[in-house]
Amino acid sequence: MKNIIIILFISVLISLGIGFYIKAEDEATGNLIIGLALITAFFILMPLFIYHRWKDRNVKDYMLTKENILKMREYQNEKKKEKKS
């Protein structure tokens, strides 16, 4: 999955470069290539990247539940005690 994301990212960057290069000579074709590269980046690359980064995570760890709020308060109290000592 990581290799697919890297290859897709590099191809989007190359497509953008080619699009801007061609845009100087043929504006319609350059805009088409730039548009297709951006659509690929936003609708294919970003969802793949987000899935890859979050596939093994537990969403409850990032939600504000009473348990997590208590953990944060305890952590802050420990930090304050360390600073005083």
PDB file of N, CA and C in Angstrom:
ATOM      1  N   MET A   1       0.831  -1.188   0.000  1.00  0.00           N
ATOM      2  CA  MET A   1       0.000   0.000   0.000  1.00  0.00           C
ATOM      3  C   MET A   1       0.877   1.254   0.000  1.00  0.00           C
ATOM      4  N   LYS A   2       1.948   1.219   0.808  1.00  0.00           N
ATOM      5  CA  LYS A   2       2.822   2.377   0.893  1.00  0.00           C
ATOM      6  C   LYS A   2       3.473   2.678  -0.455  1.00  0.00           C
ATOM      7  N   ASN A   3       3.887   1.638  -1.162  1.00  0.00           N
ATOM      8  CA  ASN A   3       4.523   1.833  -2.469  1.00  0.00           C
ATOM      9  C   ASN A   3       3.537   2.397  -3.491  1.00  0.00           C
ATOM     10  N   ILE A   4       2.306   1.942  -3.428  1.00  0.00           N
ATOM     11  CA  ILE A   4       1.277   2.452  -4.343  1.00  0.00           C
ATOM     12  C   ILE A   4       1.054   3.943  -4.102  1.00  0.00           C
ATOM     13  N   ILE A   5       1.000   4.334  -2.837  1.00  0.00           N
ATOM     14  CA  ILE A   5       0.791   5.743  -2.497  1.00  0.00           C
ATOM     15  C   ILE A   5       1.964   6.591  -2.979  1.00  0.00           C
ATOM     16  N   ILE A   6       3.177   6.099  -2.780  1.00  0.00           N
ATOM     17  CA  ILE A   6       4.363   6.845  -3.215  1.00  0.00           C
ATOM     18  C   ILE A   6       4.383   6.991  -4.741  1.00  0.00           C
ATOM     19  N   ILE A   7       4.116   5.899  -5.451  1.00  0.00           N
ATOM     20  CA  ILE A   7       4.103   5.947  -6.922  1.00  0.00           C
ATOM     21  C   ILE A   7       3.018   6.899  -7.421  1.00  0.00           C
ATOM     22  N   LEU A   8       1.838   6.837  -6.815  1.00  0.00           N
ATOM     23  CA  LEU A   8       0.743   7.708  -7.218  1.00  0.00           C
ATOM     24  C   LEU A   8       1.080   9.173  -6.934  1.00  0.00           C
ATOM     25  N   PHE A   9       1.703   9.438  -5.793  1.00  0.00           N
ATOM     26  CA  PHE A   9       2.092  10.806  -5.451  1.00  0.00           C
ATOM     27  C   PHE A   9       3.103  11.359  -6.453  1.00  0.00           C
ATOM     28  N   ILE A  10       4.090  10.565  -6.777  1.00  0.00           N
ATOM     29  CA  ILE A  10       5.104  11.009  -7.736  1.00  0.00           C
ATOM     30  C   ILE A  10       4.490  11.239  -9.113  1.00  0.00           C
ATOM     31  N   SER A  11       3.568  10.355  -9.519  1.00  0.00           N
ATOM     32  CA  SER A  11       2.934  10.531 -10.824  1.00  0.00           C
ATOM     33  C   SER A  11       2.053  11.780 -10.849  1.00  0.00           C
ATOM     34  N   VAL A  12       1.406  12.103  -9.740  1.00  0.00           N
ATOM     35  CA  VAL A  12       0.607  13.333  -9.684  1.00  0.00           C
ATOM     36  C   VAL A  12       1.518  14.554  -9.796  1.00  0.00           C
ATOM     37  N   LEU A  13       2.645  14.530  -9.090  1.00  0.00           N
ATOM     38  CA  LEU A  13       3.579  15.652  -9.191  1.00  0.00           C
ATOM     39  C   LEU A  13       4.130  15.812 -10.602  1.00  0.00           C
ATOM     40  N   ILE A  14       4.475  14.706 -11.235  1.00  0.00           N
ATOM     41  CA  ILE A  14       4.979  14.766 -12.611  1.00  0.00           C
ATOM     42  C   ILE A  14       3.897  15.287 -13.553  1.00  0.00           C
ATOM     43  N   SER A  15       2.661  14.824 -13.358  1.00  0.00           N
ATOM     44  CA  SER A  15       1.553  15.293 -14.197  1.00  0.00           C
ATOM     45  C   SER A  15       1.320  16.790 -14.032  1.00  0.00           C
ATOM     46  N   LEU A  16       1.421  17.262 -12.797  1.00  0.00           N
ATOM     47  CA  LEU A  16       1.270  18.709 -12.588  1.00  0.00           C
ATOM     48  C   LEU A  16       2.380  19.476 -13.288  1.00  0.00           C
ATOM     49  N   GLY A  17       3.599  18.986 -13.184  1.00  0.00           N
ATOM     50  CA  GLY A  17       4.714  19.648 -13.863  1.00  0.00           C
ATOM     51  C   GLY A  17       4.536  19.670 -15.367  1.00  0.00           C
ATOM     52  N   ILE A  18       4.128  18.532 -15.921  1.00  0.00           N
ATOM     53  CA  ILE A  18       3.887  18.455 -17.370  1.00  0.00           C
ATOM     54  C   ILE A  18       2.748  19.388 -17.772  1.00  0.00           C
ATOM     55  N   GLY A  19       1.699  19.426 -16.940  1.00  0.00           N
ATOM     56  CA  GLY A  19       0.561  20.297 -17.239  1.00  0.00           C
ATOM     57  C   GLY A  19       0.946  21.758 -17.280  1.00  0.00           C
ATOM     58  N   PHE A  20       1.752  22.185 -16.308  1.00  0.00           N
ATOM     59  CA  PHE A  20       2.182  23.588 -16.305  1.00  0.00           C
ATOM     60  C   PHE A  20       3.157  23.876 -17.445  1.00  0.00           C
ATOM     61  N   TYR A  21       3.951  22.886 -17.814  1.00  0.00           N
ATOM     62  CA  TYR A  21       4.869  23.078 -18.935  1.00  0.00           C
ATOM     63  C   TYR A  21       4.103  23.203 -20.255  1.00  0.00           C
ATOM     64  N   ILE A  22       3.106  22.339 -20.446  1.00  0.00           N
ATOM     65  CA  ILE A  22       2.312  22.360 -21.685  1.00  0.00           C
ATOM     66  C   ILE A  22       1.392  23.581 -21.728  1.00  0.00           C
ATOM     67  N   LYS A  23       0.981  24.057 -20.562  1.00  0.00           N
ATOM     68  CA  LYS A  23       0.053  25.190 -20.510  1.00  0.00           C
ATOM     69  C   LYS A  23       0.619  26.425 -21.211  1.00  0.00           C
ATOM     70  N   ALA A  24       1.933  26.563 -21.228  1.00  0.00           N
ATOM     71  CA  ALA A  24       2.538  27.722 -21.898  1.00  0.00           C
ATOM     72  C   ALA A  24       2.296  27.680 -23.408  1.00  0.00           C
ATOM     73  N   GLU A  25       2.232  26.485 -23.988  1.00  0.00           N
ATOM     74  CA  GLU A  25       2.039  26.351 -25.436  1.00  0.00           C
ATOM     75  C   GLU A  25       0.570  26.138 -25.801  1.00  0.00           C
ATOM     76  N   ASP A  26      -0.090  25.217 -25.100  1.00  0.00           N
ATOM     77  CA  ASP A  26      -1.488  24.886 -25.389  1.00  0.00           C
ATOM     78  C   ASP A  26      -2.265  24.928 -24.076  1.00  0.00           C
ATOM     79  N   GLU A  27      -2.965  26.035 -23.852  1.00  0.00           N
ATOM     80  CA  GLU A  27      -3.604  26.256 -22.561  1.00  0.00           C
ATOM     81  C   GLU A  27      -4.697  25.236 -22.245  1.00  0.00           C
ATOM     82  N   ALA A  28      -5.482  24.840 -23.198  1.00  0.00           N
ATOM     83  CA  ALA A  28      -6.577  23.897 -22.954  1.00  0.00           C
ATOM     84  C   ALA A  28      -6.054  22.525 -22.518  1.00  0.00           C
ATOM     85  N   THR A  29      -5.049  22.036 -23.225  1.00  0.00           N
ATOM     86  CA  THR A  29      -4.482  20.731 -22.870  1.00  0.00           C
ATOM     87  C   THR A  29      -3.763  20.800 -21.527  1.00  0.00           C
ATOM     88  N   GLY A  30      -3.069  21.875 -21.260  1.00  0.00           N
ATOM     89  CA  GLY A  30      -2.392  22.043 -19.979  1.00  0.00           C
ATOM     90  C   GLY A  30      -3.369  22.067 -18.821  1.00  0.00           C
ATOM     91  N   ASN A  31      -4.465  22.807 -18.990  1.00  0.00           N
ATOM     92  CA  ASN A  31      -5.491  22.849 -17.947  1.00  0.00           C
ATOM     93  C   ASN A  31      -6.134  21.480 -17.740  1.00  0.00           C
ATOM     94  N   LEU A  32      -6.320  20.721 -18.808  1.00  0.00           N
ATOM     95  CA  LEU A  32      -6.884  19.380 -18.699  1.00  0.00           C
ATOM     96  C   LEU A  32      -5.970  18.464 -17.889  1.00  0.00           C
ATOM     97  N   ILE A  33      -4.697  18.495 -18.189  1.00  0.00           N
ATOM     98  CA  ILE A  33      -3.743  17.637 -17.468  1.00  0.00           C
ATOM     99  C   ILE A  33      -3.649  18.047 -16.002  1.00  0.00           C
ATOM    100  N   ILE A  34      -3.618  19.331 -15.729  1.00  0.00           N
ATOM    101  CA  ILE A  34      -3.578  19.808 -14.346  1.00  0.00           C
ATOM    102  C   ILE A  34      -4.843  19.395 -13.601  1.00  0.00           C
ATOM    103  N   GLY A  35      -5.985  19.540 -14.245  1.00  0.00           N
ATOM    104  CA  GLY A  35      -7.254  19.160 -13.625  1.00  0.00           C
ATOM    105  C   GLY A  35      -7.332  17.673 -13.322  1.00  0.00           C
ATOM    106  N   LEU A  36      -6.889  16.851 -14.267  1.00  0.00           N
ATOM    107  CA  LEU A  36      -6.904  15.402 -14.037  1.00  0.00           C
ATOM    108  C   LEU A  36      -5.950  15.013 -12.914  1.00  0.00           C
ATOM    109  N   ALA A  37      -4.811  15.673 -12.836  1.00  0.00           N
ATOM    110  CA  ALA A  37      -3.855  15.385 -11.758  1.00  0.00           C
ATOM    111  C   ALA A  37      -4.451  15.760 -10.399  1.00  0.00           C
ATOM    112  N   LEU A  38      -5.135  16.888 -10.329  1.00  0.00           N
ATOM    113  CA  LEU A  38      -5.738  17.305  -9.068  1.00  0.00           C
ATOM    114  C   LEU A  38      -6.894  16.399  -8.663  1.00  0.00           C
ATOM    115  N   ILE A  39      -7.706  16.000  -9.631  1.00  0.00           N
ATOM    116  CA  ILE A  39      -8.805  15.072  -9.331  1.00  0.00           C
ATOM    117  C   ILE A  39      -8.251  13.751  -8.810  1.00  0.00           C
ATOM    118  N   THR A  40      -7.186  13.270  -9.425  1.00  0.00           N
ATOM    119  CA  THR A  40      -6.547  12.038  -8.965  1.00  0.00           C
ATOM    120  C   THR A  40      -6.011  12.204  -7.549  1.00  0.00           C
ATOM    121  N   ALA A  41      -5.405  13.351  -7.282  1.00  0.00           N
ATOM    122  CA  ALA A  41      -4.845  13.594  -5.953  1.00  0.00           C
ATOM    123  C   ALA A  41      -5.931  13.627  -4.886  1.00  0.00           C
ATOM    124  N   PHE A  42      -7.045  14.294  -5.159  1.00  0.00           N
ATOM    125  CA  PHE A  42      -8.058  14.475  -4.137  1.00  0.00           C
ATOM    126  C   PHE A  42      -9.001  13.284  -3.993  1.00  0.00           C
ATOM    127  N   PHE A  43      -9.318  12.597  -5.073  1.00  0.00           N
ATOM    128  CA  PHE A  43     -10.293  11.522  -4.985  1.00  0.00           C
ATOM    129  C   PHE A  43      -9.692  10.125  -4.914  1.00  0.00           C
ATOM    130  N   ILE A  44      -8.427   9.974  -5.217  1.00  0.00           N
ATOM    131  CA  ILE A  44      -7.792   8.647  -5.144  1.00  0.00           C
ATOM    132  C   ILE A  44      -6.650   8.645  -4.133  1.00  0.00           C
ATOM    133  N   LEU A  45      -5.720   9.588  -4.268  1.00  0.00           N
ATOM    134  CA  LEU A  45      -4.533   9.601  -3.411  1.00  0.00           C
ATOM    135  C   LEU A  45      -4.876   9.906  -1.955  1.00  0.00           C
ATOM    136  N   MET A  46      -5.654  10.944  -1.700  1.00  0.00           N
ATOM    137  CA  MET A  46      -5.969  11.310  -0.319  1.00  0.00           C
ATOM    138  C   MET A  46      -6.744  10.224   0.427  1.00  0.00           C
ATOM    139  N   PRO A  47      -7.803   9.620  -0.141  1.00  0.00           N
ATOM    140  CA  PRO A  47      -8.470   8.538   0.593  1.00  0.00           C
ATOM    141  C   PRO A  47      -7.551   7.341   0.860  1.00  0.00           C
ATOM    142  N   LEU A  48      -6.697   6.993  -0.096  1.00  0.00           N
ATOM    143  CA  LEU A  48      -5.746   5.899   0.136  1.00  0.00           C
ATOM    144  C   LEU A  48      -4.786   6.246   1.267  1.00  0.00           C
ATOM    145  N   PHE A  49      -4.289   7.474   1.279  1.00  0.00           N
ATOM    146  CA  PHE A  49      -3.370   7.901   2.322  1.00  0.00           C
ATOM    147  C   PHE A  49      -4.050   7.901   3.693  1.00  0.00           C
ATOM    148  N   ILE A  50      -5.249   8.427   3.765  1.00  0.00           N
ATOM    149  CA  ILE A  50      -5.974   8.470   5.038  1.00  0.00           C
ATOM    150  C   ILE A  50      -6.266   7.063   5.528  1.00  0.00           C
ATOM    151  N   TYR A  51      -6.693   6.175   4.654  1.00  0.00           N
ATOM    152  CA  TYR A  51      -6.941   4.782   5.055  1.00  0.00           C
ATOM    153  C   TYR A  51      -5.654   4.131   5.556  1.00  0.00           C
ATOM    154  N   HIS A  52      -4.562   4.348   4.836  1.00  0.00           N
ATOM    155  CA  HIS A  52      -3.281   3.742   5.213  1.00  0.00           C
ATOM    156  C   HIS A  52      -2.832   4.214   6.600  1.00  0.00           C
ATOM    157  N   ARG A  53      -3.029   5.490   6.910  1.00  0.00           N
ATOM    158  CA  ARG A  53      -2.576   6.024   8.187  1.00  0.00           C
ATOM    159  C   ARG A  53      -3.472   5.631   9.351  1.00  0.00           C
ATOM    160  N   TRP A  54      -4.762   5.370   9.107  1.00  0.00           N
ATOM    161  CA  TRP A  54      -5.706   5.121  10.194  1.00  0.00           C
ATOM    162  C   TRP A  54      -6.160   3.676  10.307  1.00  0.00           C
ATOM    163  N   LYS A  55      -5.653   2.764   9.501  1.00  0.00           N
ATOM    164  CA  LYS A  55      -6.210   1.411   9.470  1.00  0.00           C
ATOM    165  C   LYS A  55      -5.996   0.632  10.767  1.00  0.00           C
ATOM    166  N   ASP A  56      -4.935   0.885  11.520  1.00  0.00           N
ATOM    167  CA  ASP A  56      -4.672   0.133  12.748  1.00  0.00           C
ATOM    168  C   ASP A  56      -4.889   0.958  14.007  1.00  0.00           C
ATOM    169  N   ARG A  57      -5.598   2.038  13.904  1.00  0.00           N
ATOM    170  CA  ARG A  57      -5.818   2.912  15.056  1.00  0.00           C
ATOM    171  C   ARG A  57      -7.204   2.691  15.643  1.00  0.00           C
ATOM    172  N   ASN A  58      -7.312   2.964  16.920  1.00  0.00           N
ATOM    173  CA  ASN A  58      -8.594   2.900  17.602  1.00  0.00           C
ATOM    174  C   ASN A  58      -9.131   4.316  17.744  1.00  0.00           C
ATOM    175  N   VAL A  59     -10.278   4.576  17.189  1.00  0.00           N
ATOM    176  CA  VAL A  59     -10.844   5.922  17.177  1.00  0.00           C
ATOM    177  C   VAL A  59     -11.200   6.371  18.590  1.00  0.00           C
ATOM    178  N   LYS A  60     -11.534   5.442  19.470  1.00  0.00           N
ATOM    179  CA  LYS A  60     -11.888   5.812  20.839  1.00  0.00           C
ATOM    180  C   LYS A  60     -10.733   6.478  21.578  1.00  0.00           C
ATOM    181  N   ASP A  61      -9.517   6.190  21.173  1.00  0.00           N
ATOM    182  CA  ASP A  61      -8.370   6.829  21.824  1.00  0.00           C
ATOM    183  C   ASP A  61      -8.331   8.323  21.552  1.00  0.00           C
ATOM    184  N   TYR A  62      -8.962   8.782  20.506  1.00  0.00           N
ATOM    185  CA  TYR A  62      -8.920  10.184  20.108  1.00  0.00           C
ATOM    186  C   TYR A  62     -10.223  10.931  20.400  1.00  0.00           C
ATOM    187  N   MET A  63     -11.185  10.258  21.013  1.00  0.00           N
ATOM    188  CA  MET A  63     -12.463  10.892  21.344  1.00  0.00           C
ATOM    189  C   MET A  63     -12.418  11.423  22.772  1.00  0.00           C
ATOM    190  N   LEU A  64     -13.174  12.471  23.040  1.00  0.00           N
ATOM    191  CA  LEU A  64     -13.242  13.033  24.380  1.00  0.00           C
ATOM    192  C   LEU A  64     -14.305  12.297  25.185  1.00  0.00           C
ATOM    193  N   THR A  65     -13.872  11.253  25.864  1.00  0.00           N
ATOM    194  CA  THR A  65     -14.752  10.529  26.781  1.00  0.00           C
ATOM    195  C   THR A  65     -14.354  10.920  28.197  1.00  0.00           C
ATOM    196  N   LYS A  66     -15.165  10.544  29.171  1.00  0.00           N
ATOM    197  CA  LYS A  66     -14.838  10.887  30.562  1.00  0.00           C
ATOM    198  C   LYS A  66     -13.506  10.275  30.982  1.00  0.00           C
ATOM    199  N   GLU A  67     -13.249   9.057  30.526  1.00  0.00           N
ATOM    200  CA  GLU A  67     -11.990   8.397  30.872  1.00  0.00           C
ATOM    201  C   GLU A  67     -10.791   9.160  30.313  1.00  0.00           C
ATOM    202  N   ASN A  68     -10.890   9.579  29.072  1.00  0.00           N
ATOM    203  CA  ASN A  68      -9.786  10.310  28.456  1.00  0.00           C
ATOM    204  C   ASN A  68      -9.584  11.688  29.088  1.00  0.00           C
ATOM    205  N   ILE A  69     -10.667  12.343  29.480  1.00  0.00           N
ATOM    206  CA  ILE A  69     -10.554  13.640  30.148  1.00  0.00           C
ATOM    207  C   ILE A  69      -9.867  13.467  31.495  1.00  0.00           C
ATOM    208  N   LEU A  70     -10.213  12.416  32.230  1.00  0.00           N
ATOM    209  CA  LEU A  70      -9.554  12.154  33.510  1.00  0.00           C
ATOM    210  C   LEU A  70      -8.069  11.847  33.311  1.00  0.00           C
ATOM    211  N   LYS A  71      -7.739  11.099  32.260  1.00  0.00           N
ATOM    212  CA  LYS A  71      -6.328  10.809  31.970  1.00  0.00           C
ATOM    213  C   LYS A  71      -5.562  12.092  31.671  1.00  0.00           C
ATOM    214  N   MET A  72      -6.171  12.999  30.919  1.00  0.00           N
ATOM    215  CA  MET A  72      -5.508  14.261  30.592  1.00  0.00           C
ATOM    216  C   MET A  72      -5.297  15.099  31.849  1.00  0.00           C
ATOM    217  N   ARG A  73      -6.290  15.133  32.738  1.00  0.00           N
ATOM    218  CA  ARG A  73      -6.145  15.904  33.973  1.00  0.00           C
ATOM    219  C   ARG A  73      -5.050  15.319  34.855  1.00  0.00           C
ATOM    220  N   GLU A  74      -5.013  14.004  34.960  1.00  0.00           N
ATOM    221  CA  GLU A  74      -3.967  13.359  35.751  1.00  0.00           C
ATOM    222  C   GLU A  74      -2.589  13.656  35.163  1.00  0.00           C
ATOM    223  N   TYR A  75      -2.476  13.632  33.872  1.00  0.00           N
ATOM    224  CA  TYR A  75      -1.212  13.921  33.207  1.00  0.00           C
ATOM    225  C   TYR A  75      -0.774  15.357  33.476  1.00  0.00           C
ATOM    226  N   GLN A  76      -1.734  16.289  33.407  1.00  0.00           N
ATOM    227  CA  GLN A  76      -1.411  17.686  33.670  1.00  0.00           C
ATOM    228  C   GLN A  76      -0.981  17.887  35.121  1.00  0.00           C
ATOM    229  N   ASN A  77      -1.651  17.210  36.047  1.00  0.00           N
ATOM    230  CA  ASN A  77      -1.282  17.318  37.457  1.00  0.00           C
ATOM    231  C   ASN A  77       0.116  16.768  37.704  1.00  0.00           C
ATOM    232  N   GLU A  78       0.472  15.678  37.035  1.00  0.00           N
ATOM    233  CA  GLU A  78       1.806  15.112  37.164  1.00  0.00           C
ATOM    234  C   GLU A  78       2.862  16.084  36.639  1.00  0.00           C
ATOM    235  N   LYS A  79       2.568  16.748  35.521  1.00  0.00           N
ATOM    236  CA  LYS A  79       3.506  17.708  34.949  1.00  0.00           C
ATOM    237  C   LYS A  79       3.714  18.895  35.894  1.00  0.00           C
ATOM    238  N   LYS A  80       2.628  19.359  36.534  1.00  0.00           N
ATOM    239  CA  LYS A  80       2.735  20.473  37.469  1.00  0.00           C
ATOM    240  C   LYS A  80       3.581  20.078  38.670  1.00  0.00           C
ATOM    241  N   LYS A  81       3.419  18.845  39.144  1.00  0.00           N
ATOM    242  CA  LYS A  81       4.205  18.369  40.288  1.00  0.00           C
ATOM    243  C   LYS A  81       5.673  18.269  39.929  1.00  0.00           C
ATOM    244  N   GLU A  82       5.969  17.842  38.706  1.00  0.00           N
ATOM    245  CA  GLU A  82       7.363  17.731  38.263  1.00  0.00           C
ATOM    246  C   GLU A  82       8.018  19.102  38.176  1.00  0.00           C
ATOM    247  N   LYS A  83       7.279  20.108  37.755  1.00  0.00           N
ATOM    248  CA  LYS A  83       7.829  21.450  37.627  1.00  0.00           C
ATOM    249  C   LYS A  83       8.133  22.048  39.015  1.00  0.00           C
ATOM    250  N   LYS A  84       7.300  21.738  39.998  1.00  0.00           N
ATOM    251  CA  LYS A  84       7.497  22.264  41.342  1.00  0.00           C
ATOM    252  C   LYS A  84       8.702  21.638  42.019  1.00  0.00           C
ATOM    253  N   SER A  85       9.011  20.382  41.678  1.00  0.00           N
ATOM    254  CA  SER A  85      10.128  19.709  42.352  1.00  0.00           C
ATOM    255  C   SER A  85      11.466  20.098  41.813  1.00  0.00           C
TER     256      SER A  85
END
